[in-house]
């Protein structure tokens, strides 16, 4: 079979998936149809808006399907009509029934943003940072009916740096995932891949993020809070209250106390505010906040934080009592 022979149906919805669709469009493989979630209301006007995947497909004159479910017999017949060799699924958002998984000649493969079986589920990138993992990566797997449980075809890993946020790791994994997807398709078409069964005993679940996870508990260590800040950037964003003002904390890192006196302050106490940021006492160690957003304002970087001296007094404390749902 020539390399152009593989007929691919692609299923995905957000930008992460759209980047993988673009990688397929740049490859020799034929994308014969695209599946994406139904249009959703977006923006202040709540206007129905196409997903990034749908928009890209339309741009390239590729037929788009947006079924509410693939359990419907008519939807299954449409999928079968494409006579696809393989279906590639990336952050689609719909569970595929077994009949859909079995429809393409080579079945369905998925690109997942973690080193499976670690972090199966909805928020693997964020959960890896929140847990303090040193490594992340992508797994290309053969799909089966369970949630991210299928045999692994290809894995690629990268380190999680001390400066990585969920946003920066997301972008790195998108690039890694695109390259891994095309590599996996090359192998599947030419010489095959040996599937490795996942070890369920070492699996864990990456639960969907909740806004309430952004509330900072200053009794925790500075290291743990720094992971919370990085893992919840760009959503839902870590926060704490300062005199009835909810402050969103975008970037921070753990440091040792700047003085012996400062190290004895109660957790949540602002112990220093200078051109390097805000220093806050924690249950263990101190947190250096380097990007912070005051209500109604923009996110302030290190050079701008000095302006907060008019609003914030050394020795006063942060709280996180008003927990969002």
C-alpha atoms as a PDB file:
ATOM      1  CA  UNK A   1       0.000   0.000   0.000  1.00  0.00           C
ATOM      2  CA  UNK A   2       1.344   3.435  -0.853  1.00  0.00           C
ATOM      3  CA  UNK A   3       1.718   5.919   1.945  1.00  0.00           C
ATOM      4  CA  UNK A   4      -1.121   8.030   0.578  1.00  0.00           C
ATOM      5  CA  UNK A   5      -3.394   4.999   0.845  1.00  0.00           C
ATOM      6  CA  UNK A   6      -4.369   5.350   4.514  1.00  0.00           C
ATOM      7  CA  UNK A   7      -7.818   6.881   4.828  1.00  0.00           C
ATOM      8  CA  UNK A   8      -8.198   8.644   8.172  1.00  0.00           C
ATOM      9  CA  UNK A   9     -11.284   9.838  10.029  1.00  0.00           C
ATOM     10  CA  UNK A  10     -10.291  12.390  12.684  1.00  0.00           C
ATOM     11  CA  UNK A  11     -12.300  13.103  15.839  1.00  0.00           C
ATOM     12  CA  UNK A  12     -11.460  15.996  18.165  1.00  0.00           C
ATOM     13  CA  UNK A  13     -12.732  19.299  19.497  1.00  0.00           C
ATOM     14  CA  UNK A  14     -10.350  21.818  21.219  1.00  0.00           C
ATOM     15  CA  UNK A  15      -7.190  23.519  20.011  1.00  0.00           C
ATOM     16  CA  UNK A  16      -5.011  20.646  21.263  1.00  0.00           C
ATOM     17  CA  UNK A  17      -6.900  18.370  18.852  1.00  0.00           C
ATOM     18  CA  UNK A  18      -6.792  20.930  16.033  1.00  0.00           C
ATOM     19  CA  UNK A  19      -2.990  20.937  16.194  1.00  0.00           C
ATOM     20  CA  UNK A  20      -3.042  17.168  15.649  1.00  0.00           C
ATOM     21  CA  UNK A  21      -5.467  17.533  12.745  1.00  0.00           C
ATOM     22  CA  UNK A  22      -3.086  20.049  11.176  1.00  0.00           C
ATOM     23  CA  UNK A  23      -0.233  17.557  11.552  1.00  0.00           C
ATOM     24  CA  UNK A  24      -2.299  15.003   9.637  1.00  0.00           C
ATOM     25  CA  UNK A  25      -3.120  17.554   6.944  1.00  0.00           C
ATOM     26  CA  UNK A  26       0.614  18.213   6.591  1.00  0.00           C
ATOM     27  CA  UNK A  27       1.314  14.479   6.309  1.00  0.00           C
ATOM     28  CA  UNK A  28       0.767  12.119   3.346  1.00  0.00           C
ATOM     29  CA  UNK A  29      -2.353  10.632   4.937  1.00  0.00           C
ATOM     30  CA  UNK A  30      -5.858  11.324   3.656  1.00  0.00           C
ATOM     31  CA  UNK A  31      -8.275  12.900   6.133  1.00  0.00           C
ATOM     32  CA  UNK A  32     -11.623  11.871   4.647  1.00  0.00           C
ATOM     33  CA  UNK A  33     -13.893  13.219   7.406  1.00  0.00           C
ATOM     34  CA  UNK A  34     -13.754  15.072  10.700  1.00  0.00           C
ATOM     35  CA  UNK A  35     -15.906  14.565  13.787  1.00  0.00           C
ATOM     36  CA  UNK A  36     -16.255  17.269  16.429  1.00  0.00           C
ATOM     37  CA  UNK A  37     -18.546  18.246  19.301  1.00  0.00           C
ATOM     38  CA  UNK A  38     -21.680  20.235  18.396  1.00  0.00           C
ATOM     39  CA  UNK A  39     -21.235  24.021  18.260  1.00  0.00           C
ATOM     40  CA  UNK A  40     -21.385  25.650  21.702  1.00  0.00           C
ATOM     41  CA  UNK A  41     -22.409  29.155  22.862  1.00  0.00           C
ATOM     42  CA  UNK A  42     -19.342  31.355  23.408  1.00  0.00           C
ATOM     43  CA  UNK A  43     -18.491  34.973  24.168  1.00  0.00           C
ATOM     44  CA  UNK A  44     -20.677  37.675  25.685  1.00  0.00           C
ATOM     45  CA  UNK A  45     -23.324  37.223  23.031  1.00  0.00           C
ATOM     46  CA  UNK A  46     -23.416  33.454  23.637  1.00  0.00           C
ATOM     47  CA  UNK A  47     -23.335  32.936  19.877  1.00  0.00           C
ATOM     48  CA  UNK A  48     -23.005  29.350  18.673  1.00  0.00           C
ATOM     49  CA  UNK A  49     -19.353  28.851  17.803  1.00  0.00           C
ATOM     50  CA  UNK A  50     -17.571  26.101  15.914  1.00  0.00           C
ATOM     51  CA  UNK A  51     -14.810  24.188  17.671  1.00  0.00           C
ATOM     52  CA  UNK A  52     -11.192  24.767  16.566  1.00  0.00           C
ATOM     53  CA  UNK A  53     -11.244  21.328  14.907  1.00  0.00           C
ATOM     54  CA  UNK A  54     -14.412  22.071  12.937  1.00  0.00           C
ATOM     55  CA  UNK A  55     -13.099  25.477  11.854  1.00  0.00           C
ATOM     56  CA  UNK A  56      -9.868  23.910  10.568  1.00  0.00           C
ATOM     57  CA  UNK A  57     -11.756  21.184   8.718  1.00  0.00           C
ATOM     58  CA  UNK A  58     -14.007  23.717   6.989  1.00  0.00           C
ATOM     59  CA  UNK A  59     -10.937  25.731   6.011  1.00  0.00           C
ATOM     60  CA  UNK A  60      -9.633  22.648   4.211  1.00  0.00           C
ATOM     61  CA  UNK A  61     -13.002  21.634   2.691  1.00  0.00           C
ATOM     62  CA  UNK A  62     -13.249  18.448   4.772  1.00  0.00           C
ATOM     63  CA  UNK A  63     -16.684  17.060   5.589  1.00  0.00           C
ATOM     64  CA  UNK A  64     -17.617  17.560   9.251  1.00  0.00           C
ATOM     65  CA  UNK A  65     -19.939  15.410  11.349  1.00  0.00           C
ATOM     66  CA  UNK A  66     -21.236  16.548  14.766  1.00  0.00           C
ATOM     67  CA  UNK A  67     -23.464  13.775  16.138  1.00  0.00           C
ATOM     68  CA  UNK A  68     -24.733  14.038  19.692  1.00  0.00           C
ATOM     69  CA  UNK A  69     -23.829  10.377  20.068  1.00  0.00           C
ATOM     70  CA  UNK A  70     -22.292   7.586  18.066  1.00  0.00           C
ATOM     71  CA  UNK A  71     -24.667   5.102  19.677  1.00  0.00           C
ATOM     72  CA  UNK A  72     -27.239   6.097  17.065  1.00  0.00           C
ATOM     73  CA  UNK A  73     -27.520   3.632  14.170  1.00  0.00           C
ATOM     74  CA  UNK A  74     -27.735   6.375  11.540  1.00  0.00           C
ATOM     75  CA  UNK A  75     -24.536   7.985  12.906  1.00  0.00           C
ATOM     76  CA  UNK A  76     -22.823   4.594  12.840  1.00  0.00           C
ATOM     77  CA  UNK A  77     -23.860   4.100   9.210  1.00  0.00           C
ATOM     78  CA  UNK A  78     -22.389   7.484   8.272  1.00  0.00           C
ATOM     79  CA  UNK A  79     -19.091   6.574   9.935  1.00  0.00           C
ATOM     80  CA  UNK A  80     -18.971   3.256   8.078  1.00  0.00           C
ATOM     81  CA  UNK A  81     -19.641   5.016   4.769  1.00  0.00           C
ATOM     82  CA  UNK A  82     -16.223   6.715   4.863  1.00  0.00           C
ATOM     83  CA  UNK A  83     -14.522   3.321   4.484  1.00  0.00           C
ATOM     84  CA  UNK A  84     -11.690   4.552   6.721  1.00  0.00           C
ATOM     85  CA  UNK A  85      -8.554   2.571   7.427  1.00  0.00           C
ATOM     86  CA  UNK A  86      -8.215   4.169  10.862  1.00  0.00           C
ATOM     87  CA  UNK A  87      -9.892   6.698  13.146  1.00  0.00           C
ATOM     88  CA  UNK A  88      -7.692   9.103  15.111  1.00  0.00           C
ATOM     89  CA  UNK A  89      -9.274  10.486  18.287  1.00  0.00           C
ATOM     90  CA  UNK A  90      -7.746  13.431  20.179  1.00  0.00           C
ATOM     91  CA  UNK A  91      -9.714  15.168  22.965  1.00  0.00           C
ATOM     92  CA  UNK A  92     -13.016  14.473  21.206  1.00  0.00           C
ATOM     93  CA  UNK A  93     -15.231  14.516  24.285  1.00  0.00           C
ATOM     94  CA  UNK A  94     -17.594  11.694  23.291  1.00  0.00           C
ATOM     95  CA  UNK A  95     -17.265   8.063  24.302  1.00  0.00           C
ATOM     96  CA  UNK A  96     -17.181   5.725  21.318  1.00  0.00           C
ATOM     97  CA  UNK A  97     -19.272   2.541  21.517  1.00  0.00           C
ATOM     98  CA  UNK A  98     -17.612  -0.731  20.569  1.00  0.00           C
ATOM     99  CA  UNK A  99     -19.297  -0.805  17.157  1.00  0.00           C
ATOM    100  CA  UNK A 100     -17.674   2.545  16.311  1.00  0.00           C
ATOM    101  CA  UNK A 101     -14.282   1.384  17.597  1.00  0.00           C
ATOM    102  CA  UNK A 102     -14.521  -1.651  15.322  1.00  0.00           C
ATOM    103  CA  UNK A 103     -15.652   0.210  12.195  1.00  0.00           C
ATOM    104  CA  UNK A 104     -12.297   1.340  10.687  1.00  0.00           C
ATOM    105  CA  UNK A 105     -10.084  -1.433   9.281  1.00  0.00           C
ATOM    106  CA  UNK A 106      -7.281  -0.707  11.797  1.00  0.00           C
ATOM    107  CA  UNK A 107      -9.622   0.384  14.566  1.00  0.00           C
ATOM    108  CA  UNK A 108      -9.308   3.659  16.483  1.00  0.00           C
ATOM    109  CA  UNK A 109      -6.222   5.199  18.064  1.00  0.00           C
ATOM    110  CA  UNK A 110      -6.040   7.978  20.614  1.00  0.00           C
ATOM    111  CA  UNK A 111      -3.353  10.511  21.553  1.00  0.00           C
ATOM    112  CA  UNK A 112      -3.500  11.068  25.326  1.00  0.00           C
ATOM    113  CA  UNK A 113      -1.544  13.780  27.160  1.00  0.00           C
ATOM    114  CA  UNK A 114       0.110  11.610  29.800  1.00  0.00           C
ATOM    115  CA  UNK A 115       2.388   8.619  30.257  1.00  0.00           C
ATOM    116  CA  UNK A 116      -0.303   5.993  30.633  1.00  0.00           C
ATOM    117  CA  UNK A 117      -1.421   4.284  32.747  1.00  0.00           C
ATOM    118  CA  UNK A 118      -0.662   7.331  34.902  1.00  0.00           C
ATOM    119  CA  UNK A 119      -3.311  10.039  34.649  1.00  0.00           C
ATOM    120  CA  UNK A 120      -6.141   8.463  32.742  1.00  0.00           C
ATOM    121  CA  UNK A 121      -9.062  10.841  32.366  1.00  0.00           C
ATOM    122  CA  UNK A 122     -10.005  14.459  31.734  1.00  0.00           C
ATOM    123  CA  UNK A 123      -7.164  16.616  33.101  1.00  0.00           C
ATOM    124  CA  UNK A 124      -3.878  14.693  32.760  1.00  0.00           C
ATOM    125  CA  UNK A 125      -1.656  17.703  32.024  1.00  0.00           C
ATOM    126  CA  UNK A 126      -2.836  19.710  35.033  1.00  0.00           C
ATOM    127  CA  UNK A 127      -2.841  16.737  37.404  1.00  0.00           C
ATOM    128  CA  UNK A 128       0.755  15.871  36.532  1.00  0.00           C
ATOM    129  CA  UNK A 129       1.915  19.340  37.616  1.00  0.00           C
ATOM    130  CA  UNK A 130      -0.329  19.433  40.690  1.00  0.00           C
ATOM    131  CA  UNK A 131       1.143  16.119  41.843  1.00  0.00           C
ATOM    132  CA  UNK A 132       4.717  17.336  41.382  1.00  0.00           C
ATOM    133  CA  UNK A 133       5.558  14.807  38.648  1.00  0.00           C
ATOM    134  CA  UNK A 134       9.019  15.234  37.154  1.00  0.00           C
ATOM    135  CA  UNK A 135       8.050  13.788  33.761  1.00  0.00           C
ATOM    136  CA  UNK A 136       5.087  13.995  31.411  1.00  0.00           C
ATOM    137  CA  UNK A 137       4.502  12.919  27.853  1.00  0.00           C
ATOM    138  CA  UNK A 138       2.022  11.489  25.382  1.00  0.00           C
ATOM    139  CA  UNK A 139       0.747   7.991  24.745  1.00  0.00           C
ATOM    140  CA  UNK A 140      -0.674   6.773  21.450  1.00  0.00           C
ATOM    141  CA  UNK A 141      -2.965   3.872  22.261  1.00  0.00           C
ATOM    142  CA  UNK A 142      -5.358   1.511  20.557  1.00  0.00           C
ATOM    143  CA  UNK A 143      -8.780   2.465  21.847  1.00  0.00           C
ATOM    144  CA  UNK A 144     -11.117   0.132  23.658  1.00  0.00           C
ATOM    145  CA  UNK A 145     -14.378   0.690  25.506  1.00  0.00           C
ATOM    146  CA  UNK A 146     -12.738   1.655  28.855  1.00  0.00           C
ATOM    147  CA  UNK A 147     -11.561   5.191  29.649  1.00  0.00           C
ATOM    148  CA  UNK A 148      -7.936   5.462  28.439  1.00  0.00           C
ATOM    149  CA  UNK A 149      -7.373   1.777  29.146  1.00  0.00           C
ATOM    150  CA  UNK A 150      -6.361   0.530  25.691  1.00  0.00           C
ATOM    151  CA  UNK A 151      -3.058  -1.118  24.716  1.00  0.00           C
ATOM    152  CA  UNK A 152      -0.216   1.369  24.261  1.00  0.00           C
ATOM    153  CA  UNK A 153       1.354   1.645  20.803  1.00  0.00           C
ATOM    154  CA  UNK A 154       3.885   4.445  21.326  1.00  0.00           C
ATOM    155  CA  UNK A 155       5.026   6.640  24.222  1.00  0.00           C
ATOM    156  CA  UNK A 156       7.166   9.774  24.258  1.00  0.00           C
ATOM    157  CA  UNK A 157       8.216  11.694  27.363  1.00  0.00           C
ATOM    158  CA  UNK A 158       9.564  15.109  28.333  1.00  0.00           C
ATOM    159  CA  UNK A 159      10.610  16.613  31.678  1.00  0.00           C
ATOM    160  CA  UNK A 160       8.321  18.969  33.576  1.00  0.00           C
ATOM    161  CA  UNK A 161      10.446  22.012  34.401  1.00  0.00           C
ATOM    162  CA  UNK A 162      10.157  24.205  37.494  1.00  0.00           C
ATOM    163  CA  UNK A 163       8.749  26.982  35.296  1.00  0.00           C
ATOM    164  CA  UNK A 164       6.148  24.893  33.500  1.00  0.00           C
ATOM    165  CA  UNK A 165       2.504  25.806  33.891  1.00  0.00           C
ATOM    166  CA  UNK A 166      -0.363  23.760  32.523  1.00  0.00           C
ATOM    167  CA  UNK A 167      -0.389  26.187  29.585  1.00  0.00           C
ATOM    168  CA  UNK A 168       3.292  25.748  28.710  1.00  0.00           C
ATOM    169  CA  UNK A 169       3.205  21.971  29.208  1.00  0.00           C
ATOM    170  CA  UNK A 170       0.070  21.806  27.063  1.00  0.00           C
ATOM    171  CA  UNK A 171       1.937  23.441  24.173  1.00  0.00           C
ATOM    172  CA  UNK A 172       4.947  21.156  24.555  1.00  0.00           C
ATOM    173  CA  UNK A 173       2.763  18.055  24.615  1.00  0.00           C
ATOM    174  CA  UNK A 174       0.815  19.254  21.576  1.00  0.00           C
ATOM    175  CA  UNK A 175       4.050  19.313  19.558  1.00  0.00           C
ATOM    176  CA  UNK A 176       5.147  15.969  20.991  1.00  0.00           C
ATOM    177  CA  UNK A 177       1.727  14.459  20.332  1.00  0.00           C
ATOM    178  CA  UNK A 178       1.631  15.608  16.703  1.00  0.00           C
ATOM    179  CA  UNK A 179       5.021  14.070  15.994  1.00  0.00           C
ATOM    180  CA  UNK A 180       4.117  10.866  17.840  1.00  0.00           C
ATOM    181  CA  UNK A 181       0.814  10.527  15.975  1.00  0.00           C
ATOM    182  CA  UNK A 182       2.426  10.702  12.549  1.00  0.00           C
ATOM    183  CA  UNK A 183       5.199   8.340  13.676  1.00  0.00           C
ATOM    184  CA  UNK A 184       2.620   5.838  14.927  1.00  0.00           C
ATOM    185  CA  UNK A 185       0.686   5.990  11.658  1.00  0.00           C
ATOM    186  CA  UNK A 186       3.902   5.432   9.709  1.00  0.00           C
ATOM    187  CA  UNK A 187       4.616   2.306  11.741  1.00  0.00           C
ATOM    188  CA  UNK A 188       1.051   1.028  11.588  1.00  0.00           C
ATOM    189  CA  UNK A 189       1.041   1.329   7.832  1.00  0.00           C
ATOM    190  CA  UNK A 190       4.513  -0.014   7.109  1.00  0.00           C
ATOM    191  CA  UNK A 191       5.823  -2.419   9.748  1.00  0.00           C
ATOM    192  CA  UNK A 192       3.234  -2.394  12.518  1.00  0.00           C
ATOM    193  CA  UNK A 193       3.568  -1.646  16.219  1.00  0.00           C
ATOM    194  CA  UNK A 194       3.675  -3.997  19.191  1.00  0.00           C
ATOM    195  CA  UNK A 195       0.909  -3.083  21.610  1.00  0.00           C
ATOM    196  CA  UNK A 196       1.761  -3.051  25.312  1.00  0.00           C
ATOM    197  CA  UNK A 197      -1.044  -3.807  27.751  1.00  0.00           C
ATOM    198  CA  UNK A 198      -1.443  -1.197  30.491  1.00  0.00           C
ATOM    199  CA  UNK A 199      -0.741  -2.189  34.085  1.00  0.00           C
ATOM    200  CA  UNK A 200      -4.010  -1.372  35.813  1.00  0.00           C
ATOM    201  CA  UNK A 201      -2.350  -1.690  39.225  1.00  0.00           C
ATOM    202  CA  UNK A 202      -0.300   1.481  38.572  1.00  0.00           C
ATOM    203  CA  UNK A 203      -3.118   3.470  36.965  1.00  0.00           C
ATOM    204  CA  UNK A 204      -4.622   6.601  38.475  1.00  0.00           C
ATOM    205  CA  UNK A 205      -7.331   9.033  37.434  1.00  0.00           C
ATOM    206  CA  UNK A 206      -7.008  12.663  36.341  1.00  0.00           C
ATOM    207  CA  UNK A 207     -10.321  14.088  37.537  1.00  0.00           C
ATOM    208  CA  UNK A 208     -11.841  17.134  35.892  1.00  0.00           C
ATOM    209  CA  UNK A 209     -10.722  20.402  37.483  1.00  0.00           C
ATOM    210  CA  UNK A 210     -13.048  22.319  39.804  1.00  0.00           C
ATOM    211  CA  UNK A 211     -12.952  26.065  40.476  1.00  0.00           C
ATOM    212  CA  UNK A 212     -12.808  25.380  44.200  1.00  0.00           C
ATOM    213  CA  UNK A 213      -9.358  23.802  43.747  1.00  0.00           C
ATOM    214  CA  UNK A 214      -7.994  27.314  43.200  1.00  0.00           C
ATOM    215  CA  UNK A 215      -8.429  28.321  46.865  1.00  0.00           C
ATOM    216  CA  UNK A 216      -4.991  28.537  48.487  1.00  0.00           C
ATOM    217  CA  UNK A 217      -4.528  27.025  51.931  1.00  0.00           C
ATOM    218  CA  UNK A 218      -1.542  28.896  53.344  1.00  0.00           C
ATOM    219  CA  UNK A 219      -1.022  26.147  55.944  1.00  0.00           C
ATOM    220  CA  UNK A 220       0.343  24.033  53.113  1.00  0.00           C
ATOM    221  CA  UNK A 221       4.012  24.146  52.165  1.00  0.00           C
ATOM    222  CA  UNK A 222       5.279  26.757  49.743  1.00  0.00           C
ATOM    223  CA  UNK A 223       6.290  23.934  47.416  1.00  0.00           C
ATOM    224  CA  UNK A 224       2.764  22.510  47.332  1.00  0.00           C
ATOM    225  CA  UNK A 225       1.210  25.931  46.766  1.00  0.00           C
ATOM    226  CA  UNK A 226       3.642  26.655  43.932  1.00  0.00           C
ATOM    227  CA  UNK A 227       2.505  23.421  42.240  1.00  0.00           C
ATOM    228  CA  UNK A 228      -1.103  24.527  42.717  1.00  0.00           C
ATOM    229  CA  UNK A 229      -0.402  27.907  41.115  1.00  0.00           C
ATOM    230  CA  UNK A 230       1.397  26.404  38.119  1.00  0.00           C
ATOM    231  CA  UNK A 231      -1.016  23.515  37.670  1.00  0.00           C
ATOM    232  CA  UNK A 232      -4.108  25.745  37.654  1.00  0.00           C
ATOM    233  CA  UNK A 233      -2.681  28.287  35.187  1.00  0.00           C
ATOM    234  CA  UNK A 234      -4.511  29.163  32.904  1.00  0.00           C
ATOM    235  CA  UNK A 235      -7.700  27.694  34.480  1.00  0.00           C
ATOM    236  CA  UNK A 236      -9.206  27.938  37.021  1.00  0.00           C
ATOM    237  CA  UNK A 237      -6.251  29.967  38.457  1.00  0.00           C
ATOM    238  CA  UNK A 238      -5.162  29.863  42.101  1.00  0.00           C
ATOM    239  CA  UNK A 239      -6.605  32.605  44.291  1.00  0.00           C
ATOM    240  CA  UNK A 240      -6.588  34.068  47.765  1.00  0.00           C
ATOM    241  CA  UNK A 241      -8.413  36.927  49.507  1.00  0.00           C
ATOM    242  CA  UNK A 242      -6.887  40.166  50.680  1.00  0.00           C
ATOM    243  CA  UNK A 243      -9.242  42.394  52.690  1.00  0.00           C
ATOM    244  CA  UNK A 244     -12.344  41.196  50.785  1.00  0.00           C
ATOM    245  CA  UNK A 245     -10.550  41.393  47.435  1.00  0.00           C
ATOM    246  CA  UNK A 246     -10.096  38.176  45.506  1.00  0.00           C
ATOM    247  CA  UNK A 247      -6.576  38.118  44.072  1.00  0.00           C
ATOM    248  CA  UNK A 248      -5.713  35.691  41.278  1.00  0.00           C
ATOM    249  CA  UNK A 249      -2.191  34.323  41.527  1.00  0.00           C
ATOM    250  CA  UNK A 250      -0.771  33.403  38.129  1.00  0.00           C
ATOM    251  CA  UNK A 251       2.878  32.643  38.857  1.00  0.00           C
ATOM    252  CA  UNK A 252       4.806  31.837  42.029  1.00  0.00           C
ATOM    253  CA  UNK A 253       7.640  29.681  43.307  1.00  0.00           C
ATOM    254  CA  UNK A 254       8.859  28.390  46.652  1.00  0.00           C
ATOM    255  CA  UNK A 255      11.771  30.110  48.431  1.00  0.00           C
ATOM    256  CA  UNK A 256      13.382  30.048  51.835  1.00  0.00           C
ATOM    257  CA  UNK A 257      12.437  32.823  54.247  1.00  0.00           C
ATOM    258  CA  UNK A 258      14.316  36.041  53.492  1.00  0.00           C
ATOM    259  CA  UNK A 259      15.093  36.567  57.207  1.00  0.00           C
ATOM    260  CA  UNK A 260      14.907  34.742  60.514  1.00  0.00           C
ATOM    261  CA  UNK A 261      12.160  37.110  61.649  1.00  0.00           C
ATOM    262  CA  UNK A 262      10.110  36.481  58.520  1.00  0.00           C
ATOM    263  CA  UNK A 263      10.278  32.713  58.979  1.00  0.00           C
ATOM    264  CA  UNK A 264       8.349  32.971  62.253  1.00  0.00           C
ATOM    265  CA  UNK A 265       5.330  34.723  60.730  1.00  0.00           C
ATOM    266  CA  UNK A 266       1.935  32.934  60.616  1.00  0.00           C
ATOM    267  CA  UNK A 267       1.003  31.277  57.306  1.00  0.00           C
ATOM    268  CA  UNK A 268      -0.540  33.757  54.851  1.00  0.00           C
ATOM    269  CA  UNK A 269       1.429  36.732  56.185  1.00  0.00           C
ATOM    270  CA  UNK A 270       2.888  39.131  53.619  1.00  0.00           C
ATOM    271  CA  UNK A 271       6.493  39.442  54.791  1.00  0.00           C
ATOM    272  CA  UNK A 272       8.056  41.373  51.892  1.00  0.00           C
ATOM    273  CA  UNK A 273       7.061  43.265  48.749  1.00  0.00           C
ATOM    274  CA  UNK A 274       9.806  44.444  46.419  1.00  0.00           C
ATOM    275  CA  UNK A 275      10.877  44.349  42.777  1.00  0.00           C
ATOM    276  CA  UNK A 276      11.239  40.547  42.932  1.00  0.00           C
ATOM    277  CA  UNK A 277       7.596  40.041  43.934  1.00  0.00           C
ATOM    278  CA  UNK A 278       5.501  39.349  47.015  1.00  0.00           C
ATOM    279  CA  UNK A 279       6.896  37.055  49.702  1.00  0.00           C
ATOM    280  CA  UNK A 280       4.257  35.211  51.723  1.00  0.00           C
ATOM    281  CA  UNK A 281       4.797  32.889  54.696  1.00  0.00           C
ATOM    282  CA  UNK A 282       3.425  29.353  54.310  1.00  0.00           C
ATOM    283  CA  UNK A 283       3.095  26.297  56.494  1.00  0.00           C
ATOM    284  CA  UNK A 284       6.637  25.419  55.438  1.00  0.00           C
ATOM    285  CA  UNK A 285       8.863  27.829  53.525  1.00  0.00           C
ATOM    286  CA  UNK A 286       7.789  31.000  51.761  1.00  0.00           C
ATOM    287  CA  UNK A 287       6.058  31.647  48.458  1.00  0.00           C
ATOM    288  CA  UNK A 288       7.371  34.264  46.057  1.00  0.00           C
ATOM    289  CA  UNK A 289       4.475  35.573  43.947  1.00  0.00           C
ATOM    290  CA  UNK A 290       5.730  36.995  40.652  1.00  0.00           C
ATOM    291  CA  UNK A 291       2.451  37.519  38.761  1.00  0.00           C
ATOM    292  CA  UNK A 292      -0.777  38.569  40.433  1.00  0.00           C
ATOM    293  CA  UNK A 293      -4.101  40.040  39.347  1.00  0.00           C
ATOM    294  CA  UNK A 294      -6.119  42.514  41.395  1.00  0.00           C
ATOM    295  CA  UNK A 295      -9.917  42.463  40.877  1.00  0.00           C
ATOM    296  CA  UNK A 296     -10.878  44.336  37.717  1.00  0.00           C
ATOM    297  CA  UNK A 297      -7.294  44.806  36.635  1.00  0.00           C
ATOM    298  CA  UNK A 298      -4.750  43.075  34.447  1.00  0.00           C
ATOM    299  CA  UNK A 299      -2.245  40.513  35.628  1.00  0.00           C
ATOM    300  CA  UNK A 300       0.737  42.390  37.078  1.00  0.00           C
ATOM    301  CA  UNK A 301       4.248  41.134  36.435  1.00  0.00           C
ATOM    302  CA  UNK A 302       7.273  41.513  38.712  1.00  0.00           C
ATOM    303  CA  UNK A 303       8.102  45.030  37.538  1.00  0.00           C
ATOM    304  CA  UNK A 304       4.552  46.195  38.245  1.00  0.00           C
ATOM    305  CA  UNK A 305       4.012  44.551  41.631  1.00  0.00           C
ATOM    306  CA  UNK A 306       5.777  47.389  43.463  1.00  0.00           C
ATOM    307  CA  UNK A 307       2.697  49.500  42.730  1.00  0.00           C
ATOM    308  CA  UNK A 308       0.766  47.340  45.197  1.00  0.00           C
ATOM    309  CA  UNK A 309       2.577  48.933  48.156  1.00  0.00           C
ATOM    310  CA  UNK A 310      -0.269  51.450  48.259  1.00  0.00           C
ATOM    311  CA  UNK A 311      -2.805  48.624  48.694  1.00  0.00           C
ATOM    312  CA  UNK A 312      -0.924  45.985  50.672  1.00  0.00           C
ATOM    313  CA  UNK A 313       0.802  46.352  54.041  1.00  0.00           C
ATOM    314  CA  UNK A 314       3.647  44.140  55.253  1.00  0.00           C
ATOM    315  CA  UNK A 315       2.500  42.025  58.187  1.00  0.00           C
ATOM    316  CA  UNK A 316      -1.116  41.680  57.078  1.00  0.00           C
ATOM    317  CA  UNK A 317      -2.424  38.311  55.924  1.00  0.00           C
ATOM    318  CA  UNK A 318      -4.050  36.560  52.998  1.00  0.00           C
ATOM    319  CA  UNK A 319      -7.096  34.388  53.562  1.00  0.00           C
ATOM    320  CA  UNK A 320      -9.058  31.987  51.331  1.00  0.00           C
ATOM    321  CA  UNK A 321     -12.376  31.790  53.078  1.00  0.00           C
ATOM    322  CA  UNK A 322     -14.705  32.576  50.168  1.00  0.00           C
ATOM    323  CA  UNK A 323     -14.413  29.295  48.313  1.00  0.00           C
ATOM    324  CA  UNK A 324     -15.856  29.214  44.784  1.00  0.00           C
ATOM    325  CA  UNK A 325     -17.909  26.230  43.631  1.00  0.00           C
END
